[in-house]
């Protein structure tokens, strides 16, 4: 079942922190980047280094199939859309 919602960046970040689990598929669209992948893990914000909340992804592309870590603080101004896919549902989050 596919559902579309609109959220602010802060609401979307809170959704990722509370609803996305390791093993889920998360597609992140920001700037001109499309990063689809399986969630490997989460890293909380680090005030010492200034890094924001990070999600580790195993990319599921045909050409690139590597692990990346996406820092939500770095992409805050460029985030366009998130797509959270589980066995039960597909939620598309458009960023306001």
Protein backbone atom coordinates (compact mmCIF):
# COMPACT_ATOMS: atom_id res chain seq x y z
CA UNK A 1 0.00 0.00 0.00
CA UNK A 2 1.45 3.36 -1.05
CA UNK A 3 0.78 6.55 0.88
CA UNK A 4 2.00 10.11 0.33
CA UNK A 5 2.43 12.74 3.06
CA UNK A 6 4.02 16.17 3.37
CA UNK A 7 6.35 17.00 6.25
CA UNK A 8 8.82 19.63 7.26
CA UNK A 9 12.47 18.59 7.46
CA UNK A 10 12.28 18.31 11.25
CA UNK A 11 9.17 16.11 11.08
CA UNK A 12 10.78 13.88 8.46
CA UNK A 13 13.95 13.56 10.54
CA UNK A 14 11.90 12.58 13.58
CA UNK A 15 10.03 10.04 11.43
CA UNK A 16 13.33 8.47 10.31
CA UNK A 17 14.57 8.34 13.90
CA UNK A 18 11.42 6.67 15.25
CA UNK A 19 9.91 4.64 12.40
CA UNK A 20 12.72 3.46 10.11
CA UNK A 21 14.42 0.24 11.17
CA UNK A 22 17.55 -1.63 10.14
CA UNK A 23 16.72 -3.72 7.06
CA UNK A 24 14.07 -1.33 5.71
CA UNK A 25 14.54 0.26 2.31
CA UNK A 26 15.00 4.02 2.36
CA UNK A 27 15.23 6.11 -0.79
CA UNK A 28 16.58 9.61 -0.23
CA UNK A 29 16.28 12.32 -2.89
CA UNK A 30 18.24 15.50 -2.30
CA UNK A 31 19.71 18.12 -4.62
CA UNK A 32 20.48 16.02 -7.72
CA UNK A 33 21.21 12.84 -5.79
CA UNK A 34 19.02 9.76 -5.54
CA UNK A 35 20.27 7.31 -2.91
CA UNK A 36 18.18 4.12 -2.62
CA UNK A 37 19.38 1.51 -0.20
CA UNK A 38 18.87 -0.90 2.65
CA UNK A 39 19.28 0.68 6.07
CA UNK A 40 22.36 -0.72 7.82
CA UNK A 41 22.29 1.41 10.94
CA UNK A 42 21.99 4.80 12.59
CA UNK A 43 24.49 7.14 14.20
CA UNK A 44 23.23 9.78 16.60
CA UNK A 45 24.27 13.43 16.37
CA UNK A 46 27.74 14.24 17.63
CA UNK A 47 28.11 17.70 19.14
CA UNK A 48 31.90 17.37 19.39
CA UNK A 49 32.42 16.83 15.65
CA UNK A 50 29.33 18.76 14.52
CA UNK A 51 27.96 15.81 12.58
CA UNK A 52 24.20 15.37 12.43
CA UNK A 53 22.02 12.28 12.63
CA UNK A 54 23.37 9.78 10.10
CA UNK A 55 21.89 6.77 8.34
CA UNK A 56 24.09 4.04 6.90
CA UNK A 57 22.82 2.61 3.61
CA UNK A 58 23.84 -0.31 1.40
CA UNK A 59 23.05 1.22 -1.99
CA UNK A 60 20.90 -0.88 -4.30
CA UNK A 61 21.91 0.57 -7.66
CA UNK A 62 22.85 -1.35 -10.79
CA UNK A 63 26.19 0.42 -11.15
CA UNK A 64 26.96 1.43 -7.58
CA UNK A 65 26.47 -1.10 -4.81
CA UNK A 66 28.38 0.30 -1.88
CA UNK A 67 27.87 1.45 1.68
CA UNK A 68 27.37 5.15 2.32
CA UNK A 69 26.48 7.23 5.34
CA UNK A 70 24.05 10.12 4.81
CA UNK A 71 24.30 13.01 7.28
CA UNK A 72 20.87 14.64 7.54
CA UNK A 73 22.42 17.87 8.84
CA UNK A 74 24.43 18.14 5.61
CA UNK A 75 21.43 17.61 3.32
CA UNK A 76 18.82 19.55 5.32
CA UNK A 77 18.48 22.40 2.80
CA UNK A 78 18.49 20.11 -0.24
CA UNK A 79 16.23 17.26 0.88
CA UNK A 80 13.33 16.81 -1.53
CA UNK A 81 11.75 13.46 -0.76
CA UNK A 82 12.09 10.29 1.30
CA UNK A 83 10.55 6.96 0.43
CA UNK A 84 10.30 4.40 3.25
CA UNK A 85 9.57 0.87 2.06
CA UNK A 86 8.75 -2.06 4.32
CA UNK A 87 7.02 -5.39 3.70
CA UNK A 88 3.70 -3.83 4.71
CA UNK A 89 3.72 -0.39 3.15
CA UNK A 90 5.43 2.29 1.12
CA UNK A 91 5.41 5.84 2.48
CA UNK A 92 6.47 8.77 0.33
CA UNK A 93 7.40 11.86 2.31
CA UNK A 94 7.57 15.13 0.41
CA UNK A 95 9.58 17.78 2.21
CA UNK A 96 7.94 21.20 2.54
